[in-house]
């Protein structure tokens, strides 16, 4: 994998690109401790987008495995997981962070957030998402206890771990290197870092 082919998802920021049906994108956890919020929209109709609630129904699990397809709000496959070098922990339960999340955590003033990162990344392509769908939180470790309680834990990835996703329709895919630094979802040091992706 040549370094020159890697595109950067900047620390605390977002990036989006178009991807044709049948092509794949490799999402790399460069430093091993970074959550990457991921969205996909039908390129021909942005009102159709990858939906976590529909995908959980489709795969009958709360986390996808290799071979599983994530589906849209019209229940059509949009991304299929082809490879995963991690332990397979990719959250589908939590909404993208936003200004309100950080206010509830006690943040004073503006805090970078995945909701704004999605909007900015799409704007670079001249696009406006119709809403902020719940993202596929790649590499995010949110254990569910037997009593149903959630906890916010660091990723269990190694530097360079990746997932490979195949587009099942022409789509716009967007990423945010989550800027969360108030709970340890980006490692015990709570330090967001850049991640990378590669179109194949």
N, C-alpha and C. Protein backbone atom coordinates (compact mmCIF):
# COMPACT_ATOMS: atom_id res chain seq x y z
N UNK A 1 0.85 -1.17 0.00
CA UNK A 1 0.00 0.00 0.00
C UNK A 1 0.89 1.23 0.00
N UNK A 2 0.99 1.92 -1.10
CA UNK A 2 1.88 3.06 -1.22
C UNK A 2 1.35 4.23 -0.43
N UNK A 3 2.25 4.89 0.31
CA UNK A 3 1.83 6.01 1.14
C UNK A 3 1.20 7.11 0.30
N UNK A 4 1.69 7.26 -0.94
CA UNK A 4 1.19 8.35 -1.79
C UNK A 4 -0.26 8.17 -2.16
N UNK A 5 -0.80 6.94 -2.07
CA UNK A 5 -2.19 6.69 -2.43
C UNK A 5 -3.14 6.92 -1.28
N UNK A 6 -2.61 7.17 -0.09
CA UNK A 6 -3.44 7.38 1.07
C UNK A 6 -3.92 8.83 1.14
N UNK A 7 -5.19 8.99 1.45
CA UNK A 7 -5.78 10.31 1.66
C UNK A 7 -5.98 10.50 3.16
N UNK A 8 -5.79 11.71 3.63
CA UNK A 8 -5.83 11.98 5.06
C UNK A 8 -7.21 12.44 5.51
N UNK A 9 -7.67 11.83 6.60
CA UNK A 9 -8.80 12.36 7.36
C UNK A 9 -8.16 13.13 8.51
N UNK A 10 -8.15 14.44 8.47
CA UNK A 10 -7.36 15.19 9.45
C UNK A 10 -7.86 14.99 10.88
N UNK A 11 -6.95 15.02 11.83
CA UNK A 11 -7.33 14.93 13.23
C UNK A 11 -8.40 15.97 13.53
N UNK A 12 -9.50 15.53 14.13
CA UNK A 12 -10.61 16.38 14.52
C UNK A 12 -11.41 16.90 13.34
N UNK A 13 -11.11 16.42 12.12
CA UNK A 13 -11.76 16.93 10.92
C UNK A 13 -12.40 15.83 10.09
N UNK A 14 -12.94 16.24 8.94
CA UNK A 14 -13.64 15.30 8.07
C UNK A 14 -13.15 15.35 6.64
N UNK A 15 -13.55 14.34 5.87
CA UNK A 15 -13.20 14.25 4.45
C UNK A 15 -14.26 13.40 3.77
N UNK A 16 -14.60 13.77 2.54
CA UNK A 16 -15.58 13.01 1.77
C UNK A 16 -15.09 12.82 0.35
N UNK A 17 -15.60 11.80 -0.33
CA UNK A 17 -15.26 11.56 -1.73
C UNK A 17 -16.37 10.76 -2.39
N UNK A 18 -16.34 10.75 -3.69
CA UNK A 18 -17.27 9.93 -4.46
C UNK A 18 -16.62 8.57 -4.73
N UNK A 19 -17.43 7.52 -4.74
CA UNK A 19 -16.91 6.19 -5.03
C UNK A 19 -17.95 5.46 -5.89
N UNK A 20 -17.47 4.85 -6.97
CA UNK A 20 -18.37 4.17 -7.90
C UNK A 20 -18.71 2.77 -7.40
N UNK A 21 -19.87 2.29 -7.78
CA UNK A 21 -20.28 0.93 -7.44
C UNK A 21 -19.21 -0.07 -7.88
N UNK A 22 -18.87 -0.99 -7.01
CA UNK A 22 -17.88 -2.01 -7.31
C UNK A 22 -16.49 -1.67 -6.85
N UNK A 23 -16.21 -0.40 -6.61
CA UNK A 23 -14.91 -0.01 -6.08
C UNK A 23 -14.92 -0.14 -4.55
N UNK A 24 -13.71 -0.15 -4.00
CA UNK A 24 -13.58 -0.33 -2.55
C UNK A 24 -12.78 0.80 -1.94
N UNK A 25 -12.97 0.97 -0.64
CA UNK A 25 -12.21 1.95 0.11
C UNK A 25 -11.64 1.27 1.35
N UNK A 26 -10.34 1.45 1.55
CA UNK A 26 -9.68 0.93 2.74
C UNK A 26 -9.56 2.07 3.75
N UNK A 27 -10.11 1.86 4.94
CA UNK A 27 -10.06 2.87 6.00
C UNK A 27 -9.04 2.40 7.03
N UNK A 28 -8.00 3.21 7.25
CA UNK A 28 -6.85 2.81 8.05
C UNK A 28 -6.84 3.56 9.38
N UNK A 29 -6.78 2.80 10.47
CA UNK A 29 -6.61 3.38 11.80
C UNK A 29 -5.11 3.58 12.01
N UNK A 30 -4.61 4.68 11.52
CA UNK A 30 -3.18 4.91 11.37
C UNK A 30 -2.40 4.71 12.67
N UNK A 31 -2.92 5.26 13.74
CA UNK A 31 -2.23 5.19 15.04
C UNK A 31 -2.84 4.17 15.98
N UNK A 32 -3.94 3.55 15.56
CA UNK A 32 -4.53 2.46 16.33
C UNK A 32 -5.55 2.84 17.37
N UNK A 33 -5.78 4.12 17.59
CA UNK A 33 -6.68 4.52 18.68
C UNK A 33 -7.70 5.57 18.26
N UNK A 34 -7.99 5.64 16.97
CA UNK A 34 -8.86 6.71 16.47
C UNK A 34 -10.17 6.17 15.92
N UNK A 35 -11.27 6.67 16.44
CA UNK A 35 -12.58 6.35 15.90
C UNK A 35 -12.80 7.14 14.61
N UNK A 36 -13.39 6.49 13.61
CA UNK A 36 -13.70 7.16 12.34
C UNK A 36 -15.20 7.01 12.08
N UNK A 37 -15.94 8.10 12.33
CA UNK A 37 -17.36 8.10 11.98
C UNK A 37 -17.47 8.03 10.46
N UNK A 38 -18.38 7.18 9.97
CA UNK A 38 -18.47 6.92 8.53
C UNK A 38 -19.92 6.99 8.07
N UNK A 39 -20.12 7.71 6.97
CA UNK A 39 -21.44 7.83 6.36
C UNK A 39 -21.33 7.48 4.87
N UNK A 40 -22.44 7.04 4.29
CA UNK A 40 -22.50 6.84 2.84
C UNK A 40 -23.88 7.27 2.35
N UNK A 41 -23.88 8.00 1.24
CA UNK A 41 -25.10 8.51 0.64
C UNK A 41 -25.17 8.04 -0.80
N UNK A 42 -26.36 7.71 -1.27
CA UNK A 42 -26.59 7.41 -2.68
C UNK A 42 -26.22 8.66 -3.48
N UNK A 43 -25.26 8.53 -4.41
CA UNK A 43 -24.77 9.69 -5.15
C UNK A 43 -25.87 10.35 -5.98
N UNK A 44 -26.87 9.56 -6.38
CA UNK A 44 -27.94 10.10 -7.22
C UNK A 44 -29.08 10.70 -6.41
N UNK A 45 -29.10 10.41 -5.11
CA UNK A 45 -30.21 10.89 -4.27
C UNK A 45 -29.73 10.88 -2.83
N UNK A 46 -29.27 12.03 -2.34
CA UNK A 46 -28.69 12.09 -1.00
C UNK A 46 -29.69 11.78 0.11
N UNK A 47 -30.98 11.79 -0.22
CA UNK A 47 -31.97 11.44 0.80
C UNK A 47 -31.98 9.95 1.11
N UNK A 48 -31.26 9.17 0.28
CA UNK A 48 -31.06 7.74 0.57
C UNK A 48 -29.64 7.59 1.10
N UNK A 49 -29.51 7.06 2.32
CA UNK A 49 -28.20 7.00 2.97
C UNK A 49 -28.09 5.76 3.85
N UNK A 50 -26.85 5.38 4.14
CA UNK A 50 -26.59 4.25 5.02
C UNK A 50 -27.26 4.50 6.37
N UNK A 51 -28.02 3.51 6.81
CA UNK A 51 -28.82 3.65 8.03
C UNK A 51 -28.45 2.57 9.02
N UNK A 52 -28.04 2.98 10.21
CA UNK A 52 -27.66 2.00 11.24
C UNK A 52 -28.86 1.20 11.70
N UNK A 53 -30.02 1.84 11.90
CA UNK A 53 -31.17 1.09 12.39
C UNK A 53 -31.66 0.07 11.36
N UNK A 54 -31.62 0.45 10.09
CA UNK A 54 -32.02 -0.50 9.05
C UNK A 54 -30.97 -1.61 8.89
N UNK A 55 -29.70 -1.24 9.04
CA UNK A 55 -28.63 -2.23 8.89
C UNK A 55 -28.65 -3.26 10.02
N UNK A 56 -28.91 -2.83 11.24
CA UNK A 56 -28.98 -3.80 12.34
C UNK A 56 -30.08 -4.82 12.09
N UNK A 57 -31.20 -4.36 11.55
CA UNK A 57 -32.27 -5.29 11.20
C UNK A 57 -31.82 -6.24 10.10
N UNK A 58 -31.15 -5.70 9.09
CA UNK A 58 -30.74 -6.47 7.91
C UNK A 58 -29.74 -7.56 8.27
N UNK A 59 -28.76 -7.23 9.14
CA UNK A 59 -27.73 -8.22 9.47
C UNK A 59 -28.05 -9.00 10.75
N UNK A 60 -29.10 -8.58 11.46
CA UNK A 60 -29.53 -9.24 12.70
C UNK A 60 -28.45 -9.24 13.78
N UNK A 61 -27.65 -8.18 13.79
CA UNK A 61 -26.59 -8.01 14.79
C UNK A 61 -26.40 -6.52 15.04
N UNK A 62 -25.70 -6.19 16.13
CA UNK A 62 -25.40 -4.77 16.36
C UNK A 62 -24.04 -4.38 15.79
N UNK A 63 -23.26 -5.36 15.31
CA UNK A 63 -21.99 -5.06 14.64
C UNK A 63 -21.84 -5.94 13.41
N UNK A 64 -21.36 -5.33 12.33
CA UNK A 64 -21.18 -6.07 11.09
C UNK A 64 -19.94 -6.95 11.15
N UNK A 65 -19.98 -8.03 10.41
CA UNK A 65 -18.84 -8.92 10.23
C UNK A 65 -18.44 -8.91 8.76
N UNK A 66 -17.27 -9.45 8.47
CA UNK A 66 -16.82 -9.56 7.09
C UNK A 66 -17.88 -10.32 6.28
N UNK A 67 -18.25 -9.76 5.15
CA UNK A 67 -19.28 -10.35 4.30
C UNK A 67 -20.64 -9.69 4.46
N UNK A 68 -20.82 -8.95 5.56
CA UNK A 68 -22.09 -8.26 5.79
C UNK A 68 -22.19 -6.99 4.97
N UNK A 69 -23.41 -6.68 4.53
CA UNK A 69 -23.69 -5.41 3.86
C UNK A 69 -24.49 -4.50 4.78
N UNK A 70 -24.07 -3.25 4.82
CA UNK A 70 -24.86 -2.22 5.49
C UNK A 70 -25.83 -1.67 4.46
N UNK A 71 -27.04 -1.34 4.90
CA UNK A 71 -28.09 -0.96 3.96
C UNK A 71 -28.54 0.48 4.22
N UNK A 72 -29.30 0.99 3.26
CA UNK A 72 -29.80 2.36 3.33
C UNK A 72 -31.15 2.41 4.05
N UNK A 73 -31.65 3.62 4.19
CA UNK A 73 -33.00 3.81 4.73
C UNK A 73 -34.07 3.33 3.77
N UNK A 74 -33.66 2.89 2.58
CA UNK A 74 -34.58 2.19 1.66
C UNK A 74 -34.27 0.70 1.62
N UNK A 75 -33.44 0.25 2.58
CA UNK A 75 -33.11 -1.17 2.80
C UNK A 75 -32.38 -1.80 1.61
N UNK A 76 -31.55 -0.99 0.94
CA UNK A 76 -30.74 -1.50 -0.16
C UNK A 76 -29.27 -1.49 0.27
N UNK A 77 -28.52 -2.55 -0.07
CA UNK A 77 -27.09 -2.56 0.28
C UNK A 77 -26.36 -1.36 -0.30
N UNK A 78 -25.48 -0.77 0.52
CA UNK A 78 -24.69 0.37 0.06
C UNK A 78 -23.20 0.16 0.29
N UNK A 79 -22.80 -0.45 1.40
CA UNK A 79 -21.40 -0.79 1.67
C UNK A 79 -21.33 -2.21 2.22
N UNK A 80 -20.36 -2.98 1.72
CA UNK A 80 -20.12 -4.34 2.21
C UNK A 80 -18.73 -4.42 2.81
N UNK A 81 -18.63 -5.00 4.00
CA UNK A 81 -17.33 -5.17 4.64
C UNK A 81 -16.62 -6.38 4.02
N UNK A 82 -15.50 -6.12 3.37
CA UNK A 82 -14.75 -7.16 2.66
C UNK A 82 -13.59 -7.70 3.50
N UNK A 83 -12.92 -6.83 4.25
CA UNK A 83 -11.81 -7.23 5.12
C UNK A 83 -11.91 -6.45 6.42
N UNK A 84 -11.39 -7.05 7.48
CA UNK A 84 -11.32 -6.36 8.76
C UNK A 84 -10.16 -6.96 9.55
N UNK A 85 -9.12 -6.20 9.76
CA UNK A 85 -7.95 -6.71 10.49
C UNK A 85 -8.05 -6.42 11.99
N UNK A 86 -9.14 -5.82 12.43
CA UNK A 86 -9.33 -5.49 13.84
C UNK A 86 -10.05 -6.63 14.55
N UNK A 87 -10.39 -6.39 15.82
CA UNK A 87 -11.18 -7.36 16.59
C UNK A 87 -12.66 -7.32 16.22
N UNK A 88 -13.02 -6.47 15.28
CA UNK A 88 -14.40 -6.45 14.79
C UNK A 88 -15.34 -5.55 15.57
N UNK A 89 -14.79 -4.62 16.35
CA UNK A 89 -15.62 -3.72 17.16
C UNK A 89 -15.83 -2.41 16.40
N UNK A 90 -17.04 -2.26 15.86
CA UNK A 90 -17.39 -1.07 15.08
C UNK A 90 -18.82 -0.68 15.46
N UNK A 91 -18.95 0.32 16.30
CA UNK A 91 -20.24 0.66 16.90
C UNK A 91 -21.28 1.12 15.88
N UNK A 92 -22.53 0.69 16.09
CA UNK A 92 -23.65 1.14 15.27
C UNK A 92 -24.73 1.80 16.11
N UNK A 93 -24.47 2.01 17.40
CA UNK A 93 -25.51 2.47 18.31
C UNK A 93 -25.53 3.97 18.54
N UNK A 94 -24.36 4.61 18.56
CA UNK A 94 -24.27 5.99 19.02
C UNK A 94 -24.37 7.00 17.88
N UNK A 95 -25.07 8.08 18.17
CA UNK A 95 -25.18 9.19 17.22
C UNK A 95 -23.84 9.91 17.10
N UNK A 96 -23.68 10.65 16.02
CA UNK A 96 -22.49 11.49 15.86
C UNK A 96 -22.45 12.53 16.97
N UNK A 97 -21.25 12.83 17.43
CA UNK A 97 -21.13 13.89 18.43
C UNK A 97 -21.49 15.23 17.79
N UNK A 98 -21.97 16.13 18.61
CA UNK A 98 -22.38 17.45 18.15
C UNK A 98 -22.18 18.46 19.27
N UNK A 99 -22.48 19.71 19.02
CA UNK A 99 -22.25 20.75 20.03
C UNK A 99 -23.00 20.45 21.32
N UNK A 100 -24.18 19.83 21.20
CA UNK A 100 -25.00 19.56 22.37
C UNK A 100 -24.38 18.48 23.24
N UNK A 101 -23.76 17.49 22.61
CA UNK A 101 -23.06 16.43 23.36
C UNK A 101 -21.95 17.04 24.21
N UNK A 102 -21.18 17.94 23.63
CA UNK A 102 -20.07 18.53 24.38
C UNK A 102 -20.56 19.50 25.45
N UNK A 103 -21.66 20.18 25.19
CA UNK A 103 -22.24 21.03 26.24
C UNK A 103 -22.66 20.18 27.44
N UNK A 104 -23.26 19.02 27.17
CA UNK A 104 -23.68 18.13 28.26
C UNK A 104 -22.47 17.58 29.02
N UNK A 105 -21.34 17.45 28.35
CA UNK A 105 -20.12 16.98 29.00
C UNK A 105 -19.39 18.11 29.73
N UNK A 106 -19.92 19.33 29.65
CA UNK A 106 -19.33 20.43 30.40
C UNK A 106 -18.41 21.32 29.61
N UNK A 107 -18.39 21.19 28.30
CA UNK A 107 -17.50 22.01 27.47
C UNK A 107 -18.04 23.43 27.37
N UNK A 108 -17.17 24.40 27.60
CA UNK A 108 -17.51 25.81 27.40
C UNK A 108 -17.04 26.24 26.02
N UNK A 109 -17.90 26.88 25.27
CA UNK A 109 -17.52 27.34 23.95
C UNK A 109 -17.60 26.24 22.90
N UNK A 110 -17.16 26.57 21.70
CA UNK A 110 -17.27 25.64 20.58
C UNK A 110 -16.30 24.48 20.73
N UNK A 111 -16.75 23.29 20.33
CA UNK A 111 -15.90 22.10 20.30
C UNK A 111 -16.07 21.46 18.93
N UNK A 112 -14.98 21.12 18.25
CA UNK A 112 -15.08 20.36 17.00
C UNK A 112 -15.98 19.16 17.22
N UNK A 113 -16.74 18.79 16.20
CA UNK A 113 -17.64 17.65 16.36
C UNK A 113 -17.92 16.99 15.01
N UNK A 114 -18.34 15.73 15.08
CA UNK A 114 -18.52 14.95 13.85
C UNK A 114 -19.67 15.44 13.00
N UNK A 115 -20.71 16.00 13.63
CA UNK A 115 -21.83 16.54 12.86
C UNK A 115 -21.36 17.67 11.96
N UNK A 116 -20.60 18.60 12.50
CA UNK A 116 -20.07 19.69 11.69
C UNK A 116 -19.03 19.20 10.69
N UNK A 117 -18.26 18.18 11.08
CA UNK A 117 -17.26 17.63 10.16
C UNK A 117 -17.92 17.02 8.93
N UNK A 118 -19.05 16.34 9.12
CA UNK A 118 -19.78 15.79 7.98
C UNK A 118 -20.22 16.91 7.05
N UNK A 119 -20.82 17.94 7.60
CA UNK A 119 -21.30 19.04 6.77
C UNK A 119 -20.15 19.70 6.01
N UNK A 120 -19.02 19.91 6.68
CA UNK A 120 -17.88 20.56 6.02
C UNK A 120 -17.29 19.68 4.93
N UNK A 121 -17.19 18.37 5.19
CA UNK A 121 -16.63 17.46 4.20
C UNK A 121 -17.51 17.39 2.96
N UNK A 122 -18.82 17.34 3.16
CA UNK A 122 -19.73 17.31 2.01
C UNK A 122 -19.70 18.64 1.26
N UNK A 123 -19.56 19.74 1.99
CA UNK A 123 -19.52 21.05 1.35
C UNK A 123 -18.32 21.18 0.41
N UNK A 124 -17.22 20.51 0.74
CA UNK A 124 -16.05 20.53 -0.15
C UNK A 124 -16.37 19.93 -1.51
N UNK A 125 -17.37 19.06 -1.56
CA UNK A 125 -17.81 18.47 -2.83
C UNK A 125 -19.00 19.23 -3.42
N UNK A 126 -19.38 20.34 -2.79
CA UNK A 126 -20.53 21.10 -3.27
C UNK A 126 -21.86 20.48 -2.90
N UNK A 127 -21.87 19.66 -1.85
CA UNK A 127 -23.06 18.92 -1.45
C UNK A 127 -23.50 19.32 -0.04
N UNK A 128 -24.79 19.12 0.23
CA UNK A 128 -25.34 19.36 1.56
C UNK A 128 -26.11 18.12 1.99
N UNK A 129 -25.71 17.45 3.06
CA UNK A 129 -26.47 16.28 3.50
C UNK A 129 -27.85 16.72 3.97
N UNK A 130 -28.88 15.94 3.68
CA UNK A 130 -30.23 16.32 4.08
C UNK A 130 -30.44 16.27 5.58
N UNK A 131 -29.61 15.51 6.27
CA UNK A 131 -29.63 15.40 7.72
C UNK A 131 -28.31 14.77 8.13
N UNK A 132 -28.10 14.59 9.43
CA UNK A 132 -26.92 13.88 9.91
C UNK A 132 -27.35 12.49 10.34
N UNK A 133 -27.24 11.50 9.46
CA UNK A 133 -27.63 10.14 9.86
C UNK A 133 -26.73 9.64 10.99
N UNK A 134 -27.21 8.69 11.73
CA UNK A 134 -26.36 8.03 12.71
C UNK A 134 -25.23 7.34 11.97
N UNK A 135 -23.97 7.58 12.36
CA UNK A 135 -22.84 7.05 11.58
C UNK A 135 -22.50 5.61 11.95
N UNK A 136 -21.75 4.97 11.06
CA UNK A 136 -21.09 3.72 11.37
C UNK A 136 -19.77 4.11 12.02
N UNK A 137 -19.65 3.88 13.31
CA UNK A 137 -18.49 4.34 14.08
C UNK A 137 -17.38 3.30 14.01
N UNK A 138 -16.60 3.36 12.93
CA UNK A 138 -15.54 2.38 12.74
C UNK A 138 -14.52 2.49 13.87
N UNK A 139 -14.11 1.34 14.37
CA UNK A 139 -13.08 1.18 15.41
C UNK A 139 -13.57 1.58 16.81
N UNK A 140 -14.81 1.97 16.96
CA UNK A 140 -15.32 2.45 18.25
C UNK A 140 -15.74 1.29 19.13
N UNK A 141 -15.28 1.32 20.37
CA UNK A 141 -15.48 0.22 21.33
C UNK A 141 -16.48 0.65 22.39
N UNK A 142 -17.73 0.24 22.19
CA UNK A 142 -18.81 0.57 23.12
C UNK A 142 -19.42 -0.75 23.61
N UNK A 143 -18.83 -1.37 24.64
CA UNK A 143 -19.37 -2.64 25.13
C UNK A 143 -20.78 -2.48 25.68
N UNK A 144 -21.59 -3.52 25.47
CA UNK A 144 -22.94 -3.57 26.02
C UNK A 144 -22.95 -4.64 27.10
N UNK A 145 -23.17 -4.24 28.33
CA UNK A 145 -23.18 -5.17 29.47
C UNK A 145 -24.46 -6.01 29.47
N UNK A 146 -24.47 -7.14 30.18
CA UNK A 146 -25.67 -7.98 30.21
C UNK A 146 -26.93 -7.24 30.65
N UNK A 147 -26.76 -6.21 31.49
CA UNK A 147 -27.93 -5.44 31.92
C UNK A 147 -28.31 -4.34 30.94
N UNK A 148 -27.60 -4.30 29.81
CA UNK A 148 -27.90 -3.31 28.78
C UNK A 148 -27.13 -2.01 28.92
N UNK A 149 -26.33 -1.85 29.97
CA UNK A 149 -25.58 -0.61 30.16
C UNK A 149 -24.44 -0.50 29.16
N UNK A 150 -24.22 0.71 28.64
CA UNK A 150 -23.13 0.98 27.71
C UNK A 150 -21.95 1.58 28.46
N UNK A 151 -20.74 1.33 27.96
CA UNK A 151 -19.56 2.02 28.47
C UNK A 151 -18.73 2.50 27.29
N UNK A 152 -17.92 3.50 27.55
CA UNK A 152 -17.13 4.17 26.51
C UNK A 152 -15.68 3.80 26.72
N UNK A 153 -15.17 2.89 25.88
CA UNK A 153 -13.85 2.31 26.07
C UNK A 153 -12.92 2.65 24.91
N UNK A 154 -11.61 2.60 25.15
CA UNK A 154 -10.66 2.86 24.06
C UNK A 154 -10.75 1.78 22.98
N UNK A 155 -10.40 2.12 21.74
CA UNK A 155 -10.32 1.11 20.69
C UNK A 155 -9.30 0.03 21.06
N UNK A 156 -9.49 -1.14 20.49
CA UNK A 156 -8.55 -2.25 20.73
C UNK A 156 -7.77 -2.54 19.45
N UNK A 157 -7.61 -1.54 18.62
CA UNK A 157 -6.92 -1.68 17.34
C UNK A 157 -5.41 -1.50 17.51
N UNK A 158 -4.69 -2.04 16.53
CA UNK A 158 -3.25 -1.80 16.41
C UNK A 158 -3.02 -0.74 15.35
N UNK A 159 -1.91 0.00 15.46
CA UNK A 159 -1.59 0.96 14.40
C UNK A 159 -1.58 0.27 13.03
N UNK A 160 -2.26 0.86 12.07
CA UNK A 160 -2.31 0.31 10.72
C UNK A 160 -3.45 -0.66 10.48
N UNK A 161 -4.19 -1.04 11.51
CA UNK A 161 -5.37 -1.88 11.28
C UNK A 161 -6.33 -1.17 10.32
N UNK A 162 -7.07 -1.98 9.56
CA UNK A 162 -7.96 -1.37 8.57
C UNK A 162 -9.21 -2.19 8.36
N UNK A 163 -10.19 -1.56 7.76
CA UNK A 163 -11.34 -2.26 7.20
C UNK A 163 -11.38 -1.91 5.71
N UNK A 164 -11.87 -2.85 4.92
CA UNK A 164 -12.03 -2.66 3.48
C UNK A 164 -13.51 -2.77 3.17
N UNK A 165 -14.06 -1.71 2.56
CA UNK A 165 -15.48 -1.61 2.28
C UNK A 165 -15.71 -1.48 0.79
N UNK A 166 -16.64 -2.27 0.25
CA UNK A 166 -16.98 -2.20 -1.18
C UNK A 166 -18.29 -1.44 -1.35
N UNK A 167 -18.30 -0.50 -2.28
CA UNK A 167 -19.52 0.24 -2.59
C UNK A 167 -20.45 -0.63 -3.44
N UNK A 168 -21.70 -0.71 -3.03
CA UNK A 168 -22.69 -1.50 -3.77
C UNK A 168 -23.54 -0.62 -4.68
N UNK A 169 -23.37 0.69 -4.59
CA UNK A 169 -24.00 1.63 -5.52
C UNK A 169 -23.07 2.83 -5.62
N UNK A 170 -23.23 3.63 -6.64
CA UNK A 170 -22.48 4.88 -6.70
C UNK A 170 -22.84 5.70 -5.48
N UNK A 171 -21.84 6.10 -4.73
CA UNK A 171 -22.17 6.80 -3.49
C UNK A 171 -21.14 7.87 -3.16
N UNK A 172 -21.51 8.69 -2.22
CA UNK A 172 -20.61 9.64 -1.58
C UNK A 172 -20.34 9.09 -0.19
N UNK A 173 -19.08 8.90 0.12
CA UNK A 173 -18.70 8.38 1.43
C UNK A 173 -17.99 9.49 2.18
N UNK A 174 -18.31 9.62 3.46
CA UNK A 174 -17.74 10.70 4.26
C UNK A 174 -17.21 10.13 5.57
N UNK A 175 -16.12 10.72 6.04
CA UNK A 175 -15.46 10.27 7.26
C UNK A 175 -15.21 11.46 8.19
N UNK A 176 -15.22 11.18 9.49
CA UNK A 176 -14.77 12.16 10.48
C UNK A 176 -13.84 11.46 11.45
N UNK A 177 -12.63 12.00 11.60
CA UNK A 177 -11.73 11.52 12.66
C UNK A 177 -12.24 12.16 13.95
N UNK A 178 -13.01 11.40 14.69
CA UNK A 178 -13.81 11.94 15.80
C UNK A 178 -12.96 12.79 16.75
N UNK A 179 -13.42 14.02 17.05
CA UNK A 179 -12.64 14.90 17.92
C UNK A 179 -12.92 14.72 19.41
N UNK A 180 -13.58 13.63 19.78
CA UNK A 180 -13.92 13.43 21.19
C UNK A 180 -12.65 13.34 22.05
N UNK A 181 -12.54 14.26 23.00
CA UNK A 181 -11.39 14.27 23.90
C UNK A 181 -11.80 14.42 25.36
N UNK A 182 -13.08 14.10 25.63
CA UNK A 182 -13.59 14.21 26.99
C UNK A 182 -13.97 12.87 27.60
N UNK A 183 -14.11 11.85 26.76
CA UNK A 183 -14.23 10.45 27.21
C UNK A 183 -13.24 9.65 26.37
N UNK A 184 -12.77 8.48 26.86
CA UNK A 184 -11.60 7.83 26.24
C UNK A 184 -11.88 6.97 25.02
N UNK A 185 -12.83 7.37 24.16
CA UNK A 185 -13.09 6.53 22.99
C UNK A 185 -11.96 6.60 21.97
N UNK A 186 -11.13 7.65 22.03
CA UNK A 186 -9.95 7.75 21.17
C UNK A 186 -8.68 7.45 21.95
N UNK A 187 -8.76 6.49 22.87
CA UNK A 187 -7.60 6.10 23.66
C UNK A 187 -7.61 6.75 25.04
N UNK A 188 -6.84 6.16 25.94
CA UNK A 188 -6.84 6.63 27.32
C UNK A 188 -6.28 8.04 27.45
N UNK A 189 -5.48 8.48 26.49
CA UNK A 189 -4.95 9.84 26.55
C UNK A 189 -5.94 10.87 26.02
N UNK A 190 -7.07 10.39 25.46
CA UNK A 190 -8.11 11.29 24.91
C UNK A 190 -7.52 12.27 23.90
N UNK A 191 -6.69 11.75 23.00
CA UNK A 191 -6.02 12.59 22.02
C UNK A 191 -6.41 12.16 20.60
N UNK A 192 -7.33 12.86 19.95
CA UNK A 192 -7.70 12.53 18.57
C UNK A 192 -6.49 12.67 17.63
N UNK A 193 -6.43 11.77 16.65
CA UNK A 193 -5.35 11.80 15.65
C UNK A 193 -5.93 11.67 14.26
N UNK A 194 -5.10 11.89 13.26
CA UNK A 194 -5.55 11.69 11.88
C UNK A 194 -5.71 10.19 11.60
N UNK A 195 -6.53 9.91 10.59
CA UNK A 195 -6.64 8.56 10.03
C UNK A 195 -6.48 8.70 8.52
N UNK A 196 -6.53 7.59 7.80
CA UNK A 196 -6.32 7.66 6.36
C UNK A 196 -7.29 6.71 5.64
N UNK A 197 -7.46 6.96 4.37
CA UNK A 197 -8.25 6.03 3.54
C UNK A 197 -7.65 5.99 2.14
N UNK A 198 -7.98 4.92 1.43
CA UNK A 198 -7.44 4.68 0.09
C UNK A 198 -8.53 4.11 -0.78
N UNK A 199 -8.75 4.70 -1.95
CA UNK A 199 -9.71 4.16 -2.91
C UNK A 199 -9.02 3.11 -3.76
N UNK A 200 -9.66 1.97 -3.93
CA UNK A 200 -9.09 0.85 -4.68
C UNK A 200 -9.96 0.51 -5.88
